[in-house]
Amino acid sequence: MIQLTQVKPLTDYRLWLKYADGIEGVVDLSDLVGQGVFALWKDEREFQKARAARSAVIWNDEVDVDTVSLYLQLTGKPPEDVFPKLRELRCA
């Protein structure tokens, strides 16, 4: 199971993330700014309120990003490498 252990908001809508398996690095979320619920981030001070939750990075009750999608973005791995069962399902 992919488990986020730390998150630190950086400038320019970037997040530093650390996962339980030792993977860590920076993801850029600037492409989301102003879209839908991410309109909240037009004020970068709101983006700075990011915090780690069980399965997401959250900003408030309406704005979050799934930790798995961030992990995939950070590592560049395809979902099948992280969830081998997906490969089995595609072959069935």
N, C-alpha and C. Protein backbone atom coordinates (compact mmCIF):
# COMPACT_ATOMS: atom_id res chain seq x y z
N MET A 1 0.84 -1.19 0.00
CA MET A 1 0.00 0.00 0.00
C MET A 1 0.88 1.25 0.00
N ILE A 2 0.52 2.19 -0.81
CA ILE A 2 1.28 3.44 -0.90
C ILE A 2 0.84 4.34 0.24
N GLN A 3 1.82 4.76 1.05
CA GLN A 3 1.48 5.58 2.21
C GLN A 3 2.35 6.83 2.24
N LEU A 4 1.69 7.98 2.17
CA LEU A 4 2.37 9.26 2.26
C LEU A 4 2.69 9.53 3.73
N THR A 5 3.95 9.88 4.01
CA THR A 5 4.32 10.15 5.40
C THR A 5 4.56 11.62 5.69
N GLN A 6 4.97 12.38 4.65
CA GLN A 6 5.22 13.81 4.86
C GLN A 6 4.88 14.59 3.60
N VAL A 7 4.44 15.81 3.80
CA VAL A 7 4.21 16.73 2.69
C VAL A 7 4.64 18.12 3.14
N LYS A 8 5.30 18.82 2.23
CA LYS A 8 5.70 20.20 2.51
C LYS A 8 5.38 21.04 1.28
N PRO A 9 4.47 22.02 1.42
CA PRO A 9 4.20 22.90 0.29
C PRO A 9 5.40 23.81 0.03
N LEU A 10 5.72 23.97 -1.24
CA LEU A 10 6.81 24.84 -1.67
C LEU A 10 6.23 25.99 -2.48
N THR A 11 7.07 26.87 -2.95
CA THR A 11 6.60 27.97 -3.79
C THR A 11 6.21 27.46 -5.17
N ASP A 12 5.51 28.29 -5.91
CA ASP A 12 5.13 28.00 -7.29
C ASP A 12 4.29 26.74 -7.43
N TYR A 13 3.45 26.47 -6.44
CA TYR A 13 2.48 25.36 -6.48
C TYR A 13 3.16 23.99 -6.63
N ARG A 14 4.24 23.83 -5.90
CA ARG A 14 4.94 22.55 -5.87
C ARG A 14 4.83 21.96 -4.46
N LEU A 15 4.86 20.63 -4.41
CA LEU A 15 4.83 19.92 -3.13
C LEU A 15 6.04 19.00 -3.02
N TRP A 16 6.70 19.01 -1.87
CA TRP A 16 7.70 18.00 -1.57
C TRP A 16 6.97 16.89 -0.83
N LEU A 17 7.14 15.66 -1.29
CA LEU A 17 6.44 14.51 -0.73
C LEU A 17 7.44 13.44 -0.30
N LYS A 18 7.10 12.73 0.76
CA LYS A 18 7.88 11.57 1.18
C LYS A 18 6.91 10.44 1.49
N TYR A 19 7.24 9.26 0.95
CA TYR A 19 6.40 8.07 1.13
C TYR A 19 7.10 7.05 2.02
N ALA A 20 6.32 6.16 2.59
CA ALA A 20 6.83 5.16 3.53
C ALA A 20 7.88 4.24 2.90
N ASP A 21 7.85 4.07 1.57
CA ASP A 21 8.82 3.20 0.92
C ASP A 21 10.14 3.91 0.61
N GLY A 22 10.28 5.17 1.09
CA GLY A 22 11.51 5.93 0.91
C GLY A 22 11.51 6.84 -0.30
N ILE A 23 10.54 6.71 -1.18
CA ILE A 23 10.44 7.60 -2.34
C ILE A 23 10.14 9.00 -1.85
N GLU A 24 10.87 9.97 -2.36
CA GLU A 24 10.61 11.37 -2.03
C GLU A 24 11.00 12.25 -3.21
N GLY A 25 10.38 13.40 -3.26
CA GLY A 25 10.67 14.34 -4.33
C GLY A 25 9.61 15.40 -4.46
N VAL A 26 9.70 16.16 -5.52
CA VAL A 26 8.83 17.32 -5.72
C VAL A 26 7.92 17.10 -6.93
N VAL A 27 6.64 17.42 -6.76
CA VAL A 27 5.68 17.41 -7.87
C VAL A 27 5.17 18.83 -8.07
N ASP A 28 4.91 19.14 -9.31
CA ASP A 28 4.42 20.47 -9.70
C ASP A 28 2.93 20.36 -9.99
N LEU A 29 2.12 21.11 -9.24
CA LEU A 29 0.67 21.11 -9.44
C LEU A 29 0.17 22.41 -10.04
N SER A 30 1.07 23.21 -10.59
CA SER A 30 0.69 24.53 -11.11
C SER A 30 -0.32 24.45 -12.25
N ASP A 31 -0.35 23.33 -12.96
CA ASP A 31 -1.31 23.20 -14.07
C ASP A 31 -2.75 23.10 -13.57
N LEU A 32 -2.95 22.84 -12.29
CA LEU A 32 -4.31 22.73 -11.74
C LEU A 32 -4.87 24.06 -11.23
N VAL A 33 -4.00 25.03 -11.01
CA VAL A 33 -4.42 26.30 -10.41
C VAL A 33 -5.53 26.95 -11.22
N GLY A 34 -6.62 27.27 -10.52
CA GLY A 34 -7.73 27.96 -11.15
C GLY A 34 -8.77 27.05 -11.77
N GLN A 35 -8.51 25.75 -11.85
CA GLN A 35 -9.45 24.82 -12.47
C GLN A 35 -10.37 24.22 -11.41
N GLY A 36 -11.67 24.35 -11.59
CA GLY A 36 -12.65 23.75 -10.68
C GLY A 36 -12.38 24.12 -9.23
N VAL A 37 -12.31 23.09 -8.37
CA VAL A 37 -12.10 23.35 -6.94
C VAL A 37 -10.73 23.96 -6.67
N PHE A 38 -9.81 23.81 -7.63
CA PHE A 38 -8.47 24.34 -7.44
C PHE A 38 -8.40 25.86 -7.66
N ALA A 39 -9.54 26.49 -7.89
CA ALA A 39 -9.61 27.96 -7.93
C ALA A 39 -9.15 28.53 -6.59
N LEU A 40 -9.32 27.74 -5.54
CA LEU A 40 -8.86 28.13 -4.20
C LEU A 40 -7.39 28.54 -4.23
N TRP A 41 -6.60 27.89 -5.06
CA TRP A 41 -5.16 28.12 -5.09
C TRP A 41 -4.75 29.41 -5.81
N LYS A 42 -5.70 30.14 -6.37
CA LYS A 42 -5.34 31.41 -6.98
C LYS A 42 -4.65 32.30 -5.95
N ASP A 43 -5.02 32.09 -4.69
CA ASP A 43 -4.32 32.72 -3.58
C ASP A 43 -3.30 31.69 -3.10
N GLU A 44 -2.04 31.89 -3.44
CA GLU A 44 -1.01 30.88 -3.13
C GLU A 44 -0.90 30.59 -1.63
N ARG A 45 -1.36 31.51 -0.82
CA ARG A 45 -1.36 31.25 0.64
C ARG A 45 -2.26 30.07 0.97
N GLU A 46 -3.33 29.88 0.21
CA GLU A 46 -4.21 28.73 0.41
C GLU A 46 -3.50 27.43 0.04
N PHE A 47 -2.71 27.46 -1.02
CA PHE A 47 -1.95 26.27 -1.42
C PHE A 47 -0.99 25.86 -0.31
N GLN A 48 -0.43 26.83 0.37
CA GLN A 48 0.54 26.57 1.44
C GLN A 48 -0.06 25.83 2.63
N LYS A 49 -1.38 25.69 2.67
CA LYS A 49 -2.05 25.01 3.78
C LYS A 49 -2.12 23.49 3.58
N ALA A 50 -1.45 22.98 2.56
CA ALA A 50 -1.48 21.53 2.26
C ALA A 50 -1.02 20.72 3.46
N ARG A 51 -1.70 19.59 3.68
CA ARG A 51 -1.30 18.68 4.74
C ARG A 51 -1.62 17.25 4.34
N ALA A 52 -0.88 16.33 4.90
CA ALA A 52 -1.05 14.92 4.58
C ALA A 52 -2.23 14.35 5.35
N ALA A 53 -3.04 13.57 4.67
CA ALA A 53 -4.12 12.81 5.29
C ALA A 53 -3.90 11.35 4.92
N ARG A 54 -4.81 10.51 5.29
CA ARG A 54 -4.65 9.07 5.08
C ARG A 54 -4.38 8.70 3.61
N SER A 55 -5.21 9.16 2.71
CA SER A 55 -5.05 8.76 1.31
C SER A 55 -4.99 9.95 0.36
N ALA A 56 -4.75 11.14 0.90
CA ALA A 56 -4.73 12.33 0.05
C ALA A 56 -3.92 13.44 0.70
N VAL A 57 -3.51 14.38 -0.13
CA VAL A 57 -3.03 15.65 0.36
C VAL A 57 -4.25 16.54 0.36
N ILE A 58 -4.54 17.16 1.49
CA ILE A 58 -5.77 17.95 1.58
C ILE A 58 -5.47 19.41 1.91
N TRP A 59 -6.40 20.25 1.47
CA TRP A 59 -6.34 21.67 1.76
C TRP A 59 -7.55 22.09 2.58
N ASN A 60 -8.69 21.50 2.30
CA ASN A 60 -9.91 21.74 3.08
C ASN A 60 -10.87 20.59 2.79
N ASP A 61 -12.12 20.72 3.20
CA ASP A 61 -13.10 19.64 3.00
C ASP A 61 -13.44 19.37 1.54
N GLU A 62 -13.11 20.29 0.65
CA GLU A 62 -13.48 20.15 -0.75
C GLU A 62 -12.29 19.94 -1.69
N VAL A 63 -11.10 20.27 -1.23
CA VAL A 63 -9.93 20.23 -2.11
C VAL A 63 -8.91 19.22 -1.60
N ASP A 64 -8.65 18.20 -2.44
CA ASP A 64 -7.62 17.21 -2.11
C ASP A 64 -7.08 16.60 -3.40
N VAL A 65 -5.94 15.95 -3.28
CA VAL A 65 -5.33 15.23 -4.39
C VAL A 65 -4.91 13.87 -3.86
N ASP A 66 -5.30 12.83 -4.56
CA ASP A 66 -5.02 11.45 -4.17
C ASP A 66 -3.51 11.19 -4.11
N THR A 67 -3.06 10.53 -3.04
CA THR A 67 -1.63 10.27 -2.88
C THR A 67 -1.08 9.29 -3.92
N VAL A 68 -1.91 8.38 -4.42
CA VAL A 68 -1.44 7.44 -5.44
C VAL A 68 -1.12 8.18 -6.74
N SER A 69 -1.99 9.09 -7.14
CA SER A 69 -1.72 9.83 -8.38
C SER A 69 -0.45 10.68 -8.24
N LEU A 70 -0.23 11.23 -7.06
CA LEU A 70 1.00 11.99 -6.83
C LEU A 70 2.22 11.08 -6.87
N TYR A 71 2.11 9.88 -6.31
CA TYR A 71 3.19 8.90 -6.33
C TYR A 71 3.55 8.52 -7.77
N LEU A 72 2.54 8.27 -8.58
CA LEU A 72 2.77 7.92 -9.98
C LEU A 72 3.44 9.07 -10.72
N GLN A 73 3.00 10.28 -10.45
CA GLN A 73 3.61 11.45 -11.08
C GLN A 73 5.06 11.59 -10.64
N LEU A 74 5.32 11.40 -9.37
CA LEU A 74 6.66 11.56 -8.82
C LEU A 74 7.63 10.51 -9.35
N THR A 75 7.19 9.26 -9.42
CA THR A 75 8.07 8.17 -9.83
C THR A 75 8.10 7.95 -11.33
N GLY A 76 7.07 8.39 -12.04
CA GLY A 76 6.97 8.14 -13.47
C GLY A 76 6.60 6.70 -13.79
N LYS A 77 6.21 5.94 -12.77
CA LYS A 77 5.83 4.54 -12.97
C LYS A 77 4.42 4.45 -13.53
N PRO A 78 4.17 3.43 -14.37
CA PRO A 78 2.79 3.18 -14.80
C PRO A 78 2.03 2.49 -13.67
N PRO A 79 0.72 2.63 -13.63
CA PRO A 79 -0.08 2.01 -12.55
C PRO A 79 0.18 0.51 -12.39
N GLU A 80 0.46 -0.20 -13.50
CA GLU A 80 0.67 -1.64 -13.43
C GLU A 80 1.91 -2.01 -12.61
N ASP A 81 2.91 -1.13 -12.57
CA ASP A 81 4.10 -1.40 -11.78
C ASP A 81 3.84 -1.24 -10.29
N VAL A 82 2.89 -0.40 -9.95
CA VAL A 82 2.56 -0.16 -8.55
C VAL A 82 1.49 -1.14 -8.08
N PHE A 83 0.58 -1.49 -8.98
CA PHE A 83 -0.51 -2.41 -8.68
C PHE A 83 -0.46 -3.58 -9.68
N PRO A 84 0.36 -4.60 -9.41
CA PRO A 84 0.53 -5.72 -10.35
C PRO A 84 -0.78 -6.41 -10.75
N LYS A 85 -1.79 -6.38 -9.91
CA LYS A 85 -3.07 -7.00 -10.23
C LYS A 85 -3.67 -6.38 -11.50
N LEU A 86 -3.40 -5.12 -11.75
CA LEU A 86 -3.90 -4.46 -12.96
C LEU A 86 -3.38 -5.15 -14.21
N ARG A 87 -2.14 -5.57 -14.17
CA ARG A 87 -1.55 -6.26 -15.31
C ARG A 87 -2.28 -7.59 -15.55
N GLU A 88 -2.56 -8.30 -14.45
CA GLU A 88 -3.28 -9.56 -14.55
C GLU A 88 -4.69 -9.36 -15.12
N LEU A 89 -5.36 -8.30 -14.70
CA LEU A 89 -6.70 -8.03 -15.19
C LEU A 89 -6.71 -7.71 -16.68
N ARG A 90 -5.69 -7.01 -17.14
CA ARG A 90 -5.62 -6.65 -18.56
C ARG A 90 -5.35 -7.86 -19.43
N CYS A 91 -4.65 -8.84 -18.87
CA CYS A 91 -4.32 -10.04 -19.64
C CYS A 91 -5.48 -11.05 -19.63
N ALA A 92 -6.41 -10.88 -18.74
CA ALA A 92 -7.50 -11.86 -18.62
C ALA A 92 -8.54 -11.67 -19.70
